[in-house]
């Protein structure tokens, strides 16, 4: 296929031998399957700065370091230079997160290189060597849902112990290879110690997991792993091997309305589905 203009520098430098085919394209980036150093890998090409919405990034970028005060002022004013610097900061956050998390043993794609807005990294594959499916594309059994949920909670804990929170974790940015879930898409990764929104984002990530897997294993809807994990982290006693219960007792005794409503809504949906199946049978 024709080599995308953004990948040409990597081809000239010998980092990419061949662009095989496009893999996917989203709002943030386009991903291509490539041949590099004799291996099949993928190249993530970040889209043009003018096609991105920076107003949504402020809460994620809190606590990220900038090089100097000029850069900070330009980013705050939204100048052309500031937007360029902000885009570089956004892209570098994903690269840094991948290296950091891979070193911590978190299941993320292995990064190889980052040049001129192109991230060269491992292609996550299934048992047949094809690109691994997203979690959202799979139909799970109750046992698989419980297993994958447990594995991902452990990954979330390992990420937090490494100082990072995904910030946008859901079934849409998790791949599943022959060994289980692999977490992808990390440009919005949050520094847990420097961002005031960190606790809320962690709880949202974990709630997204329980909501999704709760479709297949309803008992997960009543769990409170997010609050439990964040409390342990705040108290300085969270470790990758910490045993979790999924339960959390608040000192102010307030009812966890969100968890209760998730269970109620699931029960309603199941009742409607059962009614429709009965009607169709009759």
Protein backbone atom coordinates (compact mmCIF):
# COMPACT_ATOMS: atom_id res chain seq x y z
CA UNK A 1 0.00 0.00 0.00
CA UNK A 2 1.02 3.64 -0.35
CA UNK A 3 3.14 4.81 2.57
CA UNK A 4 1.35 7.47 4.66
CA UNK A 5 3.30 10.75 4.66
CA UNK A 6 3.67 10.72 8.45
CA UNK A 7 5.40 7.30 8.34
CA UNK A 8 7.86 8.21 5.58
CA UNK A 9 10.59 9.44 8.01
CA UNK A 10 10.59 6.06 9.80
CA UNK A 11 10.90 4.26 6.44
CA UNK A 12 13.82 6.50 5.41
CA UNK A 13 15.55 5.83 8.74
CA UNK A 14 15.11 2.07 8.32
CA UNK A 15 12.83 1.69 11.35
CA UNK A 16 9.95 0.49 9.17
CA UNK A 17 10.54 -1.83 6.22
CA UNK A 18 6.97 -2.04 4.92
CA UNK A 19 3.50 -0.68 5.67
CA UNK A 20 1.23 -3.72 5.34
CA UNK A 21 -2.26 -2.32 5.91
CA UNK A 22 -4.35 0.04 8.05
CA UNK A 23 -5.57 -1.49 11.31
CA UNK A 24 -7.94 1.12 12.69
CA UNK A 25 -8.60 4.85 12.72
CA UNK A 26 -10.14 6.89 15.52
CA UNK A 27 -10.50 10.50 16.67
CA UNK A 28 -7.02 10.61 18.15
CA UNK A 29 -4.92 8.49 15.82
CA UNK A 30 -4.66 6.02 12.94
CA UNK A 31 -2.93 2.67 13.45
CA UNK A 32 -1.13 0.69 10.74
CA UNK A 33 0.30 -2.82 10.70
CA UNK A 34 3.94 -2.61 9.63
CA UNK A 35 7.03 -4.75 9.18
CA UNK A 36 9.89 -3.55 11.36
CA UNK A 37 13.21 -5.28 12.05
CA UNK A 38 11.78 -8.52 10.72
CA UNK A 39 8.75 -8.40 13.04
CA UNK A 40 5.10 -7.51 12.48
CA UNK A 41 4.38 -4.46 14.64
CA UNK A 42 2.01 -1.52 14.59
CA UNK A 43 2.56 2.18 14.06
CA UNK A 44 0.25 4.61 15.82
CA UNK A 45 0.07 7.90 13.92
CA UNK A 46 -1.37 10.79 15.94
CA UNK A 47 -3.76 12.92 13.92
CA UNK A 48 -3.21 16.56 13.04
CA UNK A 49 -3.38 18.99 15.92
CA UNK A 50 -6.24 20.93 14.30
CA UNK A 51 -8.45 17.85 14.34
CA UNK A 52 -8.16 17.40 18.10
CA UNK A 53 -10.30 18.80 20.93
CA UNK A 54 -8.03 20.21 23.62
CA UNK A 55 -10.79 21.50 25.89
CA UNK A 56 -11.36 17.93 27.07
CA UNK A 57 -7.73 17.40 28.03
CA UNK A 58 -7.35 19.93 30.86
CA UNK A 59 -8.38 17.59 33.68
CA UNK A 60 -5.91 14.94 32.47
CA UNK A 61 -2.98 17.30 32.03
CA UNK A 62 -3.08 18.68 35.55
CA UNK A 63 0.21 17.84 37.24
CA UNK A 64 2.13 17.14 34.03
CA UNK A 65 5.49 18.86 33.85
CA UNK A 66 6.28 21.44 31.16
CA UNK A 67 9.76 22.49 30.13
CA UNK A 68 9.56 26.18 31.07
CA UNK A 69 7.27 29.10 31.92
CA UNK A 70 7.10 30.24 28.27
CA UNK A 71 5.68 26.90 27.27
CA UNK A 72 3.19 26.99 30.14
CA UNK A 73 1.98 30.50 29.25
CA UNK A 74 1.60 29.62 25.58
CA UNK A 75 -0.42 26.52 26.44
CA UNK A 76 -2.64 28.52 28.78
CA UNK A 77 -3.29 31.19 26.13
CA UNK A 78 -3.94 28.60 23.41
CA UNK A 79 -1.51 30.13 20.92
CA UNK A 80 -0.34 28.17 17.89
CA UNK A 81 2.94 27.42 19.62
CA UNK A 82 1.06 26.53 22.80
CA UNK A 83 -1.21 24.11 21.00
CA UNK A 84 1.79 22.45 19.37
CA UNK A 85 3.47 22.08 22.76
CA UNK A 86 0.26 20.77 24.28
CA UNK A 87 -0.01 18.16 21.54
CA UNK A 88 3.58 17.03 22.13
CA UNK A 89 2.87 16.78 25.84
CA UNK A 90 -0.21 14.67 25.12
CA UNK A 91 1.65 12.28 22.81
CA UNK A 92 4.68 11.97 25.07
CA UNK A 93 2.40 11.08 27.99
CA UNK A 94 1.36 7.88 26.22
CA UNK A 95 4.92 6.97 25.27
CA UNK A 96 6.17 7.58 28.82
CA UNK A 97 3.23 5.64 30.29
CA UNK A 98 3.87 2.61 28.06
CA UNK A 99 7.55 2.41 29.03
CA UNK A 100 6.74 2.96 32.70
CA UNK A 101 3.93 0.42 32.84
CA UNK A 102 5.76 -2.21 30.79
CA UNK A 103 8.64 -1.96 33.27
CA UNK A 104 6.14 -2.45 36.12
CA UNK A 105 4.78 -5.63 34.55
CA UNK A 106 1.46 -4.18 33.43
CA UNK A 107 0.00 -5.84 30.33
CA UNK A 108 0.37 -3.05 27.74
CA UNK A 109 1.82 -3.17 24.20
CA UNK A 110 5.61 -3.03 24.26
CA UNK A 111 6.84 0.32 22.87
CA UNK A 112 9.82 0.35 20.49
CA UNK A 113 10.25 3.92 19.28
CA UNK A 114 8.59 7.31 19.01
CA UNK A 115 9.58 9.66 16.20
CA UNK A 116 7.80 12.74 14.82
CA UNK A 117 4.35 11.83 16.07
CA UNK A 118 4.54 8.12 15.23
CA UNK A 119 4.62 5.52 17.99
CA UNK A 120 6.08 2.18 16.94
CA UNK A 121 4.97 -0.63 19.24
CA UNK A 122 4.06 -4.28 19.61
CA UNK A 123 1.09 -5.63 17.67
CA UNK A 124 -1.11 -7.51 20.12
CA UNK A 125 -2.33 -10.70 18.43
CA UNK A 126 -4.67 -13.62 19.05
CA UNK A 127 -3.76 -17.33 18.91
CA UNK A 128 -3.81 -17.27 15.10
CA UNK A 129 -1.45 -14.32 14.84
CA UNK A 130 -4.19 -11.90 13.74
CA UNK A 131 -4.74 -8.55 15.43
CA UNK A 132 -6.35 -9.21 18.81
CA UNK A 133 -10.03 -8.24 19.20
CA UNK A 134 -11.28 -5.54 21.52
CA UNK A 135 -12.99 -6.72 24.67
CA UNK A 136 -16.19 -5.08 23.46
CA UNK A 137 -16.26 -7.39 20.43
CA UNK A 138 -16.39 -10.58 22.52
CA UNK A 139 -19.36 -12.44 23.98
CA UNK A 140 -18.33 -13.66 27.41
CA UNK A 141 -19.52 -16.39 29.72
CA UNK A 142 -20.04 -15.58 33.38
CA UNK A 143 -16.80 -17.41 34.24
CA UNK A 144 -14.81 -15.48 31.61
CA UNK A 145 -16.27 -12.18 32.83
CA UNK A 146 -15.25 -12.93 36.41
CA UNK A 147 -11.78 -14.01 35.32
CA UNK A 148 -11.13 -11.00 33.07
CA UNK A 149 -12.52 -8.59 35.66
CA UNK A 150 -10.21 -10.02 38.30
CA UNK A 151 -7.20 -9.81 35.98
CA UNK A 152 -7.95 -6.21 35.03
CA UNK A 153 -8.44 -5.11 38.64
CA UNK A 154 -4.95 -6.48 39.30
CA UNK A 155 -3.64 -4.48 36.33
CA UNK A 156 -5.31 -1.31 37.65
CA UNK A 157 -3.62 -1.89 41.01
CA UNK A 158 -0.22 -2.45 39.36
CA UNK A 159 -0.70 0.74 37.36
CA UNK A 160 -1.51 2.72 40.49
CA UNK A 161 1.47 1.25 42.32
CA UNK A 162 3.55 2.54 39.39
CA UNK A 163 1.99 5.98 39.96
CA UNK A 164 -0.43 6.06 37.03
CA UNK A 165 -4.17 5.88 36.37
CA UNK A 166 -5.48 5.12 32.87
CA UNK A 167 -8.18 7.79 33.07
CA UNK A 168 -10.39 6.45 30.30
CA UNK A 169 -10.46 2.69 30.82
CA UNK A 170 -13.34 0.77 29.27
CA UNK A 171 -14.12 -2.26 27.12
CA UNK A 172 -13.20 -0.17 24.05
CA UNK A 173 -9.50 0.22 24.91
CA UNK A 174 -8.77 -3.28 26.13
CA UNK A 175 -7.57 -5.97 23.74
CA UNK A 176 -7.74 -9.69 24.48
CA UNK A 177 -4.91 -11.96 23.34
CA UNK A 178 -4.33 -15.63 24.10
CA UNK A 179 -3.22 -14.76 27.65
CA UNK A 180 -6.03 -12.37 28.50
CA UNK A 181 -6.65 -8.60 28.56
CA UNK A 182 -4.11 -6.03 27.34
CA UNK A 183 -4.63 -2.33 28.14
CA UNK A 184 -4.15 0.19 25.30
CA UNK A 185 -4.66 3.92 24.52
CA UNK A 186 -2.87 5.86 27.25
CA UNK A 187 -2.37 9.50 26.12
CA UNK A 188 -4.66 10.66 28.94
CA UNK A 189 -2.82 8.66 31.64
CA UNK A 190 -2.91 10.55 34.92
CA UNK A 191 -0.18 11.03 37.52
CA UNK A 192 -1.88 9.68 40.65
CA UNK A 193 0.07 11.86 43.04
CA UNK A 194 -0.05 15.15 41.13
CA UNK A 195 -3.59 15.30 39.75
CA UNK A 196 -6.48 16.41 41.98
CA UNK A 197 -8.90 14.40 39.82
CA UNK A 198 -6.94 11.16 40.24
CA UNK A 199 -9.20 9.47 42.80
CA UNK A 200 -12.35 10.23 40.84
CA UNK A 201 -10.78 8.98 37.61
CA UNK A 202 -9.63 5.74 39.22
CA UNK A 203 -13.11 5.08 40.59
CA UNK A 204 -14.60 5.80 37.16
CA UNK A 205 -12.18 3.40 35.46
CA UNK A 206 -13.05 0.65 37.91
CA UNK A 207 -16.79 1.38 37.69
CA UNK A 208 -16.57 1.07 33.90
CA UNK A 209 -15.10 -2.41 34.35
CA UNK A 210 -17.76 -3.54 36.82
CA UNK A 211 -20.54 -2.10 34.63
CA UNK A 212 -19.28 -3.93 31.55
CA UNK A 213 -18.49 -7.29 33.14
CA UNK A 214 -21.66 -6.97 35.23
CA UNK A 215 -23.63 -7.64 32.04
CA UNK A 216 -22.33 -11.20 32.20
CA UNK A 217 -21.78 -11.55 35.96
CA UNK A 218 -24.34 -9.33 37.76
CA UNK A 219 -22.72 -9.82 41.17
CA UNK A 220 -19.90 -7.50 40.06
CA UNK A 221 -22.30 -4.56 39.90
CA UNK A 222 -22.42 -4.28 43.69
CA UNK A 223 -18.63 -4.30 44.19
CA UNK A 224 -16.68 -1.22 45.26
CA UNK A 225 -13.14 -2.01 44.21
CA UNK A 226 -12.46 1.59 43.13
CA UNK A 227 -13.08 3.09 46.55
CA UNK A 228 -11.23 0.24 48.26
CA UNK A 229 -8.16 0.57 46.00
CA UNK A 230 -7.97 4.36 46.32
CA UNK A 231 -8.28 4.25 50.11
CA UNK A 232 -5.45 1.72 50.36
CA UNK A 233 -3.34 3.90 48.03
CA UNK A 234 -4.04 7.04 50.09
CA UNK A 235 -3.01 5.18 53.24
CA UNK A 236 0.24 4.11 51.60
CA UNK A 237 -0.42 0.39 51.97
CA UNK A 238 -1.40 -0.61 48.43
CA UNK A 239 0.88 -3.20 46.84
CA UNK A 240 0.56 -5.15 43.56
CA UNK A 241 -0.14 -8.30 45.58
CA UNK A 242 -2.61 -6.71 48.03
CA UNK A 243 -5.67 -8.92 48.53
CA UNK A 244 -8.87 -7.02 47.70
CA UNK A 245 -12.43 -7.70 48.83
CA UNK A 246 -14.50 -5.43 46.59
CA UNK A 247 -16.13 -4.02 49.71
CA UNK A 248 -15.73 -0.57 51.21
CA UNK A 249 -17.10 0.91 54.42
CA UNK A 250 -17.41 4.67 54.42
CA UNK A 251 -16.94 6.44 57.75
CA UNK A 252 -19.96 8.65 57.14
CA UNK A 253 -22.21 5.60 56.56
CA UNK A 254 -23.68 7.09 53.37
CA UNK A 255 -25.40 4.66 51.03
CA UNK A 256 -23.61 3.89 47.77
CA UNK A 257 -26.52 4.92 45.55
CA UNK A 258 -24.65 4.32 42.28
CA UNK A 259 -23.94 0.67 43.06
CA UNK A 260 -27.53 0.08 44.17
CA UNK A 261 -28.92 1.72 41.02
CA UNK A 262 -26.65 -0.39 38.79
CA UNK A 263 -28.08 -3.55 40.38
CA UNK A 264 -31.67 -2.27 40.09
CA UNK A 265 -31.25 -1.26 36.43
CA UNK A 266 -29.70 -4.61 35.59
CA UNK A 267 -32.64 -6.41 37.24
CA UNK A 268 -35.11 -4.30 35.23
CA UNK A 269 -33.35 -5.09 31.96
CA UNK A 270 -33.33 -8.79 32.76
CA UNK A 271 -37.05 -8.69 33.61
CA UNK A 272 -37.86 -6.95 30.31
CA UNK A 273 -35.71 -9.42 28.37
CA UNK A 274 -37.42 -12.37 30.07
CA UNK A 275 -40.85 -10.88 29.34
CA UNK A 276 -40.00 -10.38 25.66
CA UNK A 277 -38.67 -13.92 25.32
CA UNK A 278 -41.88 -15.26 26.91
CA UNK A 279 -44.05 -13.19 24.57
CA UNK A 280 -42.13 -14.43 21.52
CA UNK A 281 -42.43 -18.03 22.71
CA UNK A 282 -46.20 -17.70 23.12
